[in-house]
PDB file of N, CA and C in Angstrom:
ATOM      1  N   UNK A   1       4.488 -66.841 -34.594  1.00  0.00           N
ATOM      2  CA  UNK A   1       3.959 -65.581 -34.121  1.00  0.00           C
ATOM      3  C   UNK A   1       3.009 -64.972 -35.147  1.00  0.00           C
ATOM      4  N   UNK A   2       3.305 -65.149 -36.414  1.00  0.00           N
ATOM      5  CA  UNK A   2       2.482 -64.535 -37.452  1.00  0.00           C
ATOM      6  C   UNK A   2       1.073 -65.107 -37.470  1.00  0.00           C
ATOM      7  N   UNK A   3       0.913 -66.359 -37.082  1.00  0.00           N
ATOM      8  CA  UNK A   3      -0.403 -67.006 -37.108  1.00  0.00           C
ATOM      9  C   UNK A   3      -1.160 -66.855 -35.794  1.00  0.00           C
ATOM     10  N   UNK A   4      -0.554 -66.240 -34.810  1.00  0.00           N
ATOM     11  CA  UNK A   4      -1.178 -66.062 -33.500  1.00  0.00           C
ATOM     12  C   UNK A   4      -2.279 -65.024 -33.586  1.00  0.00           C
ATOM     13  N   UNK A   5      -3.455 -65.380 -33.114  1.00  0.00           N
ATOM     14  CA  UNK A   5      -4.587 -64.457 -33.121  1.00  0.00           C
ATOM     15  C   UNK A   5      -5.095 -64.199 -31.720  1.00  0.00           C
ATOM     16  N   UNK A   6      -5.932 -63.197 -31.587  1.00  0.00           N
ATOM     17  CA  UNK A   6      -6.471 -62.873 -30.258  1.00  0.00           C
ATOM     18  C   UNK A   6      -7.287 -64.034 -29.706  1.00  0.00           C
ATOM     19  N   UNK A   7      -7.914 -64.818 -30.575  1.00  0.00           N
ATOM     20  CA  UNK A   7      -8.691 -65.971 -30.098  1.00  0.00           C
ATOM     21  C   UNK A   7      -7.782 -67.015 -29.448  1.00  0.00           C
ATOM     22  N   UNK A   8      -6.557 -67.159 -29.948  1.00  0.00           N
ATOM     23  CA  UNK A   8      -5.606 -68.099 -29.339  1.00  0.00           C
ATOM     24  C   UNK A   8      -5.231 -67.643 -27.927  1.00  0.00           C
ATOM     25  N   UNK A   9      -4.991 -66.358 -27.782  1.00  0.00           N
ATOM     26  CA  UNK A   9      -4.603 -65.815 -26.474  1.00  0.00           C
ATOM     27  C   UNK A   9      -5.761 -65.966 -25.487  1.00  0.00           C
ATOM     28  N   UNK A  10      -6.963 -65.648 -25.928  1.00  0.00           N
ATOM     29  CA  UNK A  10      -8.138 -65.794 -25.058  1.00  0.00           C
ATOM     30  C   UNK A  10      -8.328 -67.252 -24.657  1.00  0.00           C
ATOM     31  N   UNK A  11      -8.082 -68.179 -25.585  1.00  0.00           N
ATOM     32  CA  UNK A  11      -8.219 -69.601 -25.289  1.00  0.00           C
ATOM     33  C   UNK A  11      -7.217 -70.037 -24.216  1.00  0.00           C
ATOM     34  N   UNK A  12      -5.992 -69.574 -24.329  1.00  0.00           N
ATOM     35  CA  UNK A  12      -4.975 -69.905 -23.318  1.00  0.00           C
ATOM     36  C   UNK A  12      -5.389 -69.350 -21.956  1.00  0.00           C
ATOM     37  N   UNK A  13      -5.893 -68.124 -21.960  1.00  0.00           N
ATOM     38  CA  UNK A  13      -6.297 -67.495 -20.701  1.00  0.00           C
ATOM     39  C   UNK A  13      -7.478 -68.213 -20.058  1.00  0.00           C
ATOM     40  N   UNK A  14      -8.468 -68.589 -20.858  1.00  0.00           N
ATOM     41  CA  UNK A  14      -9.689 -69.181 -20.321  1.00  0.00           C
ATOM     42  C   UNK A  14      -9.569 -70.670 -20.014  1.00  0.00           C
ATOM     43  N   UNK A  15      -8.828 -71.410 -20.817  1.00  0.00           N
ATOM     44  CA  UNK A  15      -8.792 -72.867 -20.679  1.00  0.00           C
ATOM     45  C   UNK A  15      -7.478 -73.398 -20.128  1.00  0.00           C
ATOM     46  N   UNK A  16      -6.602 -72.503 -19.704  1.00  0.00           N
ATOM     47  CA  UNK A  16      -5.320 -72.936 -19.160  1.00  0.00           C
ATOM     48  C   UNK A  16      -5.484 -73.666 -17.840  1.00  0.00           C
ATOM     49  N   UNK A  17      -4.697 -74.702 -17.656  1.00  0.00           N
ATOM     50  CA  UNK A  17      -4.705 -75.455 -16.400  1.00  0.00           C
ATOM     51  C   UNK A  17      -3.269 -75.745 -15.997  1.00  0.00           C
ATOM     52  N   UNK A  18      -3.124 -76.189 -14.774  1.00  0.00           N
ATOM     53  CA  UNK A  18      -1.814 -76.630 -14.308  1.00  0.00           C
ATOM     54  C   UNK A  18      -2.021 -77.838 -13.415  1.00  0.00           C
ATOM     55  N   UNK A  19      -1.030 -78.700 -13.394  1.00  0.00           N
ATOM     56  CA  UNK A  19      -1.098 -79.891 -12.553  1.00  0.00           C
ATOM     57  C   UNK A  19      -0.335 -79.640 -11.270  1.00  0.00           C
ATOM     58  N   UNK A  20      -0.961 -79.989 -10.169  1.00  0.00           N
ATOM     59  CA  UNK A  20      -0.326 -79.879  -8.859  1.00  0.00           C
ATOM     60  C   UNK A  20      -0.173 -81.305  -8.334  1.00  0.00           C
ATOM     61  N   UNK A  21       1.044 -81.693  -8.014  1.00  0.00           N
ATOM     62  CA  UNK A  21       1.298 -83.040  -7.524  1.00  0.00           C
ATOM     63  C   UNK A  21       1.697 -82.948  -6.053  1.00  0.00           C
ATOM     64  N   UNK A  22       0.916 -83.621  -5.231  1.00  0.00           N
ATOM     65  CA  UNK A  22       1.192 -83.684  -3.791  1.00  0.00           C
ATOM     66  C   UNK A  22       1.241 -85.157  -3.397  1.00  0.00           C
ATOM     67  N   UNK A  23       2.451 -85.634  -3.213  1.00  0.00           N
ATOM     68  CA  UNK A  23       2.618 -87.057  -2.921  1.00  0.00           C
ATOM     69  C   UNK A  23       2.220 -87.871  -4.132  1.00  0.00           C
ATOM     70  N   UNK A  24       1.266 -88.787  -3.926  1.00  0.00           N
ATOM     71  CA  UNK A  24       0.805 -89.611  -5.046  1.00  0.00           C
ATOM     72  C   UNK A  24      -0.445 -89.030  -5.707  1.00  0.00           C
ATOM     73  N   UNK A  25      -0.949 -87.910  -5.173  1.00  0.00           N
ATOM     74  CA  UNK A  25      -2.147 -87.286  -5.740  1.00  0.00           C
ATOM     75  C   UNK A  25      -1.772 -86.263  -6.797  1.00  0.00           C
ATOM     76  N   UNK A  26      -2.525 -86.284  -7.889  1.00  0.00           N
ATOM     77  CA  UNK A  26      -2.330 -85.319  -8.960  1.00  0.00           C
ATOM     78  C   UNK A  26      -3.635 -84.541  -9.119  1.00  0.00           C
ATOM     79  N   UNK A  27      -3.544 -83.230  -9.058  1.00  0.00           N
ATOM     80  CA  UNK A  27      -4.726 -82.381  -9.124  1.00  0.00           C
ATOM     81  C   UNK A  27      -4.573 -81.383 -10.273  1.00  0.00           C
ATOM     82  N   UNK A  28      -5.630 -81.187 -11.035  1.00  0.00           N
ATOM     83  CA  UNK A  28      -5.618 -80.211 -12.125  1.00  0.00           C
ATOM     84  C   UNK A  28      -6.362 -78.973 -11.653  1.00  0.00           C
ATOM     85  N   UNK A  29      -5.710 -77.827 -11.737  1.00  0.00           N
ATOM     86  CA  UNK A  29      -6.317 -76.564 -11.315  1.00  0.00           C
ATOM     87  C   UNK A  29      -6.421 -75.619 -12.499  1.00  0.00           C
ATOM     88  N   UNK A  30      -7.498 -74.879 -12.539  1.00  0.00           N
ATOM     89  CA  UNK A  30      -7.676 -73.862 -13.572  1.00  0.00           C
ATOM     90  C   UNK A  30      -6.954 -72.587 -13.149  1.00  0.00           C
ATOM     91  N   UNK A  31      -6.646 -71.745 -14.119  1.00  0.00           N
ATOM     92  CA  UNK A  31      -5.912 -70.522 -13.828  1.00  0.00           C
ATOM     93  C   UNK A  31      -6.791 -69.537 -13.067  1.00  0.00           C
ATOM     94  N   UNK A  32      -6.170 -68.826 -12.137  1.00  0.00           N
ATOM     95  CA  UNK A  32      -6.879 -67.796 -11.388  1.00  0.00           C
ATOM     96  C   UNK A  32      -6.980 -66.537 -12.240  1.00  0.00           C
ATOM     97  N   UNK A  33      -7.761 -65.600 -11.780  1.00  0.00           N
ATOM     98  CA  UNK A  33      -7.916 -64.332 -12.498  1.00  0.00           C
ATOM     99  C   UNK A  33      -6.586 -63.603 -12.600  1.00  0.00           C
ATOM    100  N   UNK A  34      -5.818 -63.592 -11.529  1.00  0.00           N
ATOM    101  CA  UNK A  34      -4.521 -62.914 -11.561  1.00  0.00           C
ATOM    102  C   UNK A  34      -3.566 -63.583 -12.555  1.00  0.00           C
ATOM    103  N   UNK A  35      -3.605 -64.904 -12.625  1.00  0.00           N
ATOM    104  CA  UNK A  35      -2.757 -65.618 -13.582  1.00  0.00           C
ATOM    105  C   UNK A  35      -3.176 -65.296 -15.013  1.00  0.00           C
ATOM    106  N   UNK A  36      -4.472 -65.188 -15.258  1.00  0.00           N
ATOM    107  CA  UNK A  36      -4.959 -64.814 -16.585  1.00  0.00           C
ATOM    108  C   UNK A  36      -4.451 -63.429 -16.976  1.00  0.00           C
ATOM    109  N   UNK A  37      -4.461 -62.505 -16.028  1.00  0.00           N
ATOM    110  CA  UNK A  37      -3.949 -61.159 -16.303  1.00  0.00           C
ATOM    111  C   UNK A  37      -2.456 -61.187 -16.585  1.00  0.00           C
ATOM    112  N   UNK A  38      -1.730 -62.039 -15.893  1.00  0.00           N
ATOM    113  CA  UNK A  38      -0.288 -62.166 -16.145  1.00  0.00           C
ATOM    114  C   UNK A  38      -0.007 -62.787 -17.513  1.00  0.00           C
ATOM    115  N   UNK A  39      -0.843 -63.740 -17.915  1.00  0.00           N
ATOM    116  CA  UNK A  39      -0.700 -64.348 -19.239  1.00  0.00           C
ATOM    117  C   UNK A  39      -0.889 -63.275 -20.307  1.00  0.00           C
ATOM    118  N   UNK A  40      -1.918 -62.459 -20.142  1.00  0.00           N
ATOM    119  CA  UNK A  40      -2.189 -61.379 -21.103  1.00  0.00           C
ATOM    120  C   UNK A  40      -1.016 -60.416 -21.157  1.00  0.00           C
ATOM    121  N   UNK A  41      -0.474 -60.080 -20.005  1.00  0.00           N
ATOM    122  CA  UNK A  41       0.673 -59.174 -19.935  1.00  0.00           C
ATOM    123  C   UNK A  41       1.887 -59.767 -20.642  1.00  0.00           C
ATOM    124  N   UNK A  42       2.118 -61.064 -20.443  1.00  0.00           N
ATOM    125  CA  UNK A  42       3.248 -61.728 -21.084  1.00  0.00           C
ATOM    126  C   UNK A  42       3.117 -61.689 -22.607  1.00  0.00           C
ATOM    127  N   UNK A  43       1.907 -61.963 -23.112  1.00  0.00           N
ATOM    128  CA  UNK A  43       1.687 -61.894 -24.558  1.00  0.00           C
ATOM    129  C   UNK A  43       1.871 -60.469 -25.075  1.00  0.00           C
ATOM    130  N   UNK A  44       1.408 -59.477 -24.301  1.00  0.00           N
ATOM    131  CA  UNK A  44       1.613 -58.080 -24.697  1.00  0.00           C
ATOM    132  C   UNK A  44       3.100 -57.782 -24.869  1.00  0.00           C
ATOM    133  N   UNK A  45       3.899 -58.179 -23.903  1.00  0.00           N
ATOM    134  CA  UNK A  45       5.336 -57.905 -23.956  1.00  0.00           C
ATOM    135  C   UNK A  45       6.019 -58.658 -25.095  1.00  0.00           C
ATOM    136  N   UNK A  46       5.679 -59.936 -25.263  1.00  0.00           N
ATOM    137  CA  UNK A  46       6.294 -60.725 -26.337  1.00  0.00           C
ATOM    138  C   UNK A  46       5.955 -60.153 -27.705  1.00  0.00           C
ATOM    139  N   UNK A  47       4.697 -59.787 -27.891  1.00  0.00           N
ATOM    140  CA  UNK A  47       4.289 -59.278 -29.195  1.00  0.00           C
ATOM    141  C   UNK A  47       4.781 -57.858 -29.437  1.00  0.00           C
ATOM    142  N   UNK A  48       4.942 -57.062 -28.382  1.00  0.00           N
ATOM    143  CA  UNK A  48       5.564 -55.745 -28.547  1.00  0.00           C
ATOM    144  C   UNK A  48       6.983 -55.913 -29.085  1.00  0.00           C
ATOM    145  N   UNK A  49       7.700 -56.872 -28.546  1.00  0.00           N
ATOM    146  CA  UNK A  49       9.063 -57.149 -29.005  1.00  0.00           C
ATOM    147  C   UNK A  49       9.060 -57.652 -30.451  1.00  0.00           C
ATOM    148  N   UNK A  50       8.103 -58.522 -30.778  1.00  0.00           N
ATOM    149  CA  UNK A  50       8.002 -59.040 -32.142  1.00  0.00           C
ATOM    150  C   UNK A  50       7.695 -57.915 -33.135  1.00  0.00           C
ATOM    151  N   UNK A  51       6.872 -56.938 -32.736  1.00  0.00           N
ATOM    152  CA  UNK A  51       6.596 -55.786 -33.590  1.00  0.00           C
ATOM    153  C   UNK A  51       7.868 -54.965 -33.768  1.00  0.00           C
ATOM    154  N   UNK A  52       8.605 -54.776 -32.677  1.00  0.00           N
ATOM    155  CA  UNK A  52       9.852 -54.028 -32.731  1.00  0.00           C
ATOM    156  C   UNK A  52      10.887 -54.678 -33.645  1.00  0.00           C
ATOM    157  N   UNK A  53      10.889 -56.000 -33.674  1.00  0.00           N
ATOM    158  CA  UNK A  53      11.819 -56.742 -34.534  1.00  0.00           C
ATOM    159  C   UNK A  53      11.265 -56.949 -35.946  1.00  0.00           C
ATOM    160  N   UNK A  54      10.071 -56.414 -36.185  1.00  0.00           N
ATOM    161  CA  UNK A  54       9.386 -56.502 -37.473  1.00  0.00           C
ATOM    162  C   UNK A  54       9.080 -57.943 -37.885  1.00  0.00           C
ATOM    163  N   UNK A  55       8.806 -58.785 -36.878  1.00  0.00           N
ATOM    164  CA  UNK A  55       8.378 -60.157 -37.146  1.00  0.00           C
ATOM    165  C   UNK A  55       6.881 -60.204 -37.437  1.00  0.00           C
ATOM    166  N   UNK A  56       6.139 -59.294 -36.824  1.00  0.00           N
ATOM    167  CA  UNK A  56       4.698 -59.152 -37.056  1.00  0.00           C
ATOM    168  C   UNK A  56       4.386 -57.675 -37.248  1.00  0.00           C
ATOM    169  N   UNK A  57       3.230 -57.395 -37.828  1.00  0.00           N
ATOM    170  CA  UNK A  57       2.890 -55.993 -38.106  1.00  0.00           C
ATOM    171  C   UNK A  57       2.119 -55.327 -36.981  1.00  0.00           C
ATOM    172  N   UNK A  58       1.412 -56.126 -36.166  1.00  0.00           N
ATOM    173  CA  UNK A  58       0.645 -55.544 -35.063  1.00  0.00           C
ATOM    174  C   UNK A  58       0.617 -56.500 -33.876  1.00  0.00           C
ATOM    175  N   UNK A  59       0.305 -55.945 -32.712  1.00  0.00           N
ATOM    176  CA  UNK A  59       0.219 -56.715 -31.477  1.00  0.00           C
ATOM    177  C   UNK A  59      -1.239 -57.108 -31.262  1.00  0.00           C
ATOM    178  N   UNK A  60      -1.579 -58.354 -31.565  1.00  0.00           N
ATOM    179  CA  UNK A  60      -2.963 -58.808 -31.428  1.00  0.00           C
ATOM    180  C   UNK A  60      -3.401 -58.913 -29.972  1.00  0.00           C
ATOM    181  N   UNK A  61      -2.466 -58.998 -29.051  1.00  0.00           N
ATOM    182  CA  UNK A  61      -2.817 -59.065 -27.633  1.00  0.00           C
ATOM    183  C   UNK A  61      -3.405 -57.741 -27.149  1.00  0.00           C
ATOM    184  N   UNK A  62      -3.103 -56.668 -27.834  1.00  0.00           N
ATOM    185  CA  UNK A  62      -3.646 -55.366 -27.457  1.00  0.00           C
ATOM    186  C   UNK A  62      -4.973 -55.074 -28.148  1.00  0.00           C
ATOM    187  N   UNK A  63      -5.498 -56.040 -28.896  1.00  0.00           N
ATOM    188  CA  UNK A  63      -6.753 -55.824 -29.615  1.00  0.00           C
ATOM    189  C   UNK A  63      -7.984 -56.086 -28.747  1.00  0.00           C
ATOM    190  N   UNK A  64      -7.790 -56.576 -27.524  1.00  0.00           N
ATOM    191  CA  UNK A  64      -8.921 -56.777 -26.614  1.00  0.00           C
ATOM    192  C   UNK A  64      -8.516 -56.381 -25.202  1.00  0.00           C
ATOM    193  N   UNK A  65      -9.517 -56.081 -24.388  1.00  0.00           N
ATOM    194  CA  UNK A  65      -9.270 -55.614 -23.030  1.00  0.00           C
ATOM    195  C   UNK A  65      -9.792 -56.645 -22.035  1.00  0.00           C
ATOM    196  N   UNK A  66      -9.300 -56.577 -20.832  1.00  0.00           N
ATOM    197  CA  UNK A  66      -9.706 -57.523 -19.796  1.00  0.00           C
ATOM    198  C   UNK A  66     -10.220 -56.768 -18.568  1.00  0.00           C
ATOM    199  N   UNK A  67     -11.020 -55.728 -18.784  1.00  0.00           N
ATOM    200  CA  UNK A  67     -11.540 -54.908 -17.694  1.00  0.00           C
ATOM    201  C   UNK A  67     -12.311 -55.734 -16.672  1.00  0.00           C
ATOM    202  N   UNK A  68     -13.163 -56.634 -17.150  1.00  0.00           N
ATOM    203  CA  UNK A  68     -13.963 -57.443 -16.238  1.00  0.00           C
ATOM    204  C   UNK A  68     -13.085 -58.313 -15.353  1.00  0.00           C
ATOM    205  N   UNK A  69     -12.004 -58.846 -15.913  1.00  0.00           N
ATOM    206  CA  UNK A  69     -11.088 -59.670 -15.119  1.00  0.00           C
ATOM    207  C   UNK A  69     -10.385 -58.834 -14.062  1.00  0.00           C
ATOM    208  N   UNK A  70     -10.012 -57.609 -14.407  1.00  0.00           N
ATOM    209  CA  UNK A  70      -9.347 -56.739 -13.437  1.00  0.00           C
ATOM    210  C   UNK A  70     -10.278 -56.429 -12.272  1.00  0.00           C
ATOM    211  N   UNK A  71     -11.545 -56.154 -12.565  1.00  0.00           N
ATOM    212  CA  UNK A  71     -12.519 -55.877 -11.506  1.00  0.00           C
ATOM    213  C   UNK A  71     -12.658 -57.087 -10.597  1.00  0.00           C
ATOM    214  N   UNK A  72     -12.706 -58.279 -11.192  1.00  0.00           N
ATOM    215  CA  UNK A  72     -12.831 -59.510 -10.411  1.00  0.00           C
ATOM    216  C   UNK A  72     -11.591 -59.724  -9.552  1.00  0.00           C
ATOM    217  N   UNK A  73     -10.408 -59.465 -10.092  1.00  0.00           N
ATOM    218  CA  UNK A  73      -9.167 -59.631  -9.342  1.00  0.00           C
ATOM    219  C   UNK A  73      -9.118 -58.654  -8.166  1.00  0.00           C
ATOM    220  N   UNK A  74      -9.528 -57.426  -8.397  1.00  0.00           N
ATOM    221  CA  UNK A  74      -9.566 -56.436  -7.315  1.00  0.00           C
ATOM    222  C   UNK A  74     -10.540 -56.853  -6.236  1.00  0.00           C
ATOM    223  N   UNK A  75     -11.680 -57.414  -6.634  1.00  0.00           N
ATOM    224  CA  UNK A  75     -12.674 -57.895  -5.683  1.00  0.00           C
ATOM    225  C   UNK A  75     -12.116 -59.034  -4.843  1.00  0.00           C
ATOM    226  N   UNK A  76     -11.374 -59.959  -5.500  1.00  0.00           N
ATOM    227  CA  UNK A  76     -10.786 -61.100  -4.788  1.00  0.00           C
ATOM    228  C   UNK A  76      -9.741 -60.643  -3.781  1.00  0.00           C
ATOM    229  N   UNK A  77      -8.980 -59.577  -4.112  1.00  0.00           N
ATOM    230  CA  UNK A  77      -7.957 -59.065  -3.201  1.00  0.00           C
ATOM    231  C   UNK A  77      -8.582 -58.484  -1.933  1.00  0.00           C
ATOM    232  N   UNK A  78      -9.773 -57.887  -2.062  1.00  0.00           N
ATOM    233  CA  UNK A  78     -10.435 -57.243  -0.927  1.00  0.00           C
ATOM    234  C   UNK A  78     -11.028 -58.236   0.049  1.00  0.00           C
ATOM    235  N   UNK A  79     -11.253 -59.472  -0.385  1.00  0.00           N
ATOM    236  CA  UNK A  79     -11.849 -60.495   0.494  1.00  0.00           C
ATOM    237  C   UNK A  79     -10.947 -60.857   1.639  1.00  0.00           C
TER     238      UNK A  79
END
Protein backbone atom coordinates (compact mmCIF):
# COMPACT_ATOMS: atom_id res chain seq x y z
CA UNK A 1 0.00 0.00 0.00
CA UNK A 2 2.83 2.39 0.78
CA UNK A 3 4.21 2.15 -2.77
CA UNK A 4 0.81 2.58 -4.43
CA UNK A 5 0.58 5.79 -6.44
CA UNK A 6 -2.17 7.54 -8.33
CA UNK A 7 -0.52 6.45 -11.60
CA UNK A 8 -1.00 2.80 -10.58
CA UNK A 9 -4.71 3.36 -9.92
CA UNK A 10 -5.16 5.20 -13.22
CA UNK A 11 -3.36 2.36 -15.02
CA UNK A 12 -5.70 -0.24 -13.52
CA UNK A 13 -8.71 1.86 -14.48
CA UNK A 14 -7.58 2.52 -18.05
CA UNK A 15 -5.93 -0.79 -18.99
CA UNK A 16 -8.03 -3.24 -17.00
CA UNK A 17 -9.55 -6.14 -18.91
CA UNK A 18 -11.56 -9.22 -18.15
CA UNK A 19 -11.91 -12.53 -19.91
CA UNK A 20 -15.35 -13.76 -20.88
CA UNK A 21 -15.58 -17.46 -21.72
CA UNK A 22 -18.57 -18.67 -23.70
CA UNK A 23 -18.26 -22.32 -24.60
CA UNK A 24 -14.92 -22.75 -26.32
CA UNK A 25 -14.60 -19.04 -27.17
CA UNK A 26 -12.54 -16.74 -25.00
CA UNK A 27 -13.08 -13.00 -25.35
CA UNK A 28 -11.13 -10.16 -23.72
CA UNK A 29 -13.21 -7.09 -22.84
CA UNK A 30 -12.03 -3.72 -21.62
CA UNK A 31 -13.59 -2.15 -18.55
CA UNK A 32 -16.66 0.03 -19.02
CA UNK A 33 -16.89 3.55 -17.67
CA UNK A 34 -19.07 2.41 -14.78
CA UNK A 35 -16.56 -0.31 -13.88
CA UNK A 36 -13.75 2.26 -13.91
CA UNK A 37 -15.75 4.42 -11.49
CA UNK A 38 -16.30 1.41 -9.23
CA UNK A 39 -12.57 0.62 -9.29
CA UNK A 40 -11.83 4.20 -8.21
CA UNK A 41 -14.42 3.94 -5.45
CA UNK A 42 -12.93 0.66 -4.22
CA UNK A 43 -9.44 2.20 -4.02
CA UNK A 44 -10.89 5.22 -2.18
CA UNK A 45 -12.46 2.96 0.44
CA UNK A 46 -9.40 0.71 0.83
CA UNK A 47 -7.03 3.63 1.20
CA UNK A 48 -9.36 5.46 3.61
CA UNK A 49 -9.17 2.37 5.81
CA UNK A 50 -5.38 2.20 5.41
CA UNK A 51 -5.14 5.86 6.51
CA UNK A 52 -7.36 5.08 9.49
CA UNK A 53 -5.09 2.19 10.46
CA UNK A 54 -2.05 4.45 9.96
CA UNK A 55 -0.59 2.17 7.28
CA UNK A 56 -0.25 5.13 4.91
CA UNK A 57 -0.23 8.88 5.49
CA UNK A 58 -2.59 9.93 2.69
CA UNK A 59 -5.17 8.53 0.28
CA UNK A 60 -3.62 8.82 -3.19
CA UNK A 61 -6.89 7.73 -4.81
CA UNK A 62 -8.40 11.05 -3.74
CA UNK A 63 -5.60 13.01 -5.43
CA UNK A 64 -7.36 12.95 -8.82
CA UNK A 65 -10.92 13.31 -10.05
CA UNK A 66 -12.88 11.42 -12.67
CA UNK A 67 -15.41 14.09 -13.71
CA UNK A 68 -15.09 13.29 -17.41
CA UNK A 69 -15.80 9.61 -16.75
CA UNK A 70 -18.89 10.47 -14.72
CA UNK A 71 -20.23 12.63 -17.55
CA UNK A 72 -19.62 9.79 -20.01
CA UNK A 73 -21.34 7.27 -17.71
CA UNK A 74 -24.36 9.55 -17.34
CA UNK A 75 -24.49 9.95 -21.11
CA UNK A 76 -24.37 6.15 -21.59
CA UNK A 77 -27.26 5.69 -19.11
CA UNK A 78 -29.46 8.11 -21.10
CA UNK A 79 -29.04 6.15 -24.35
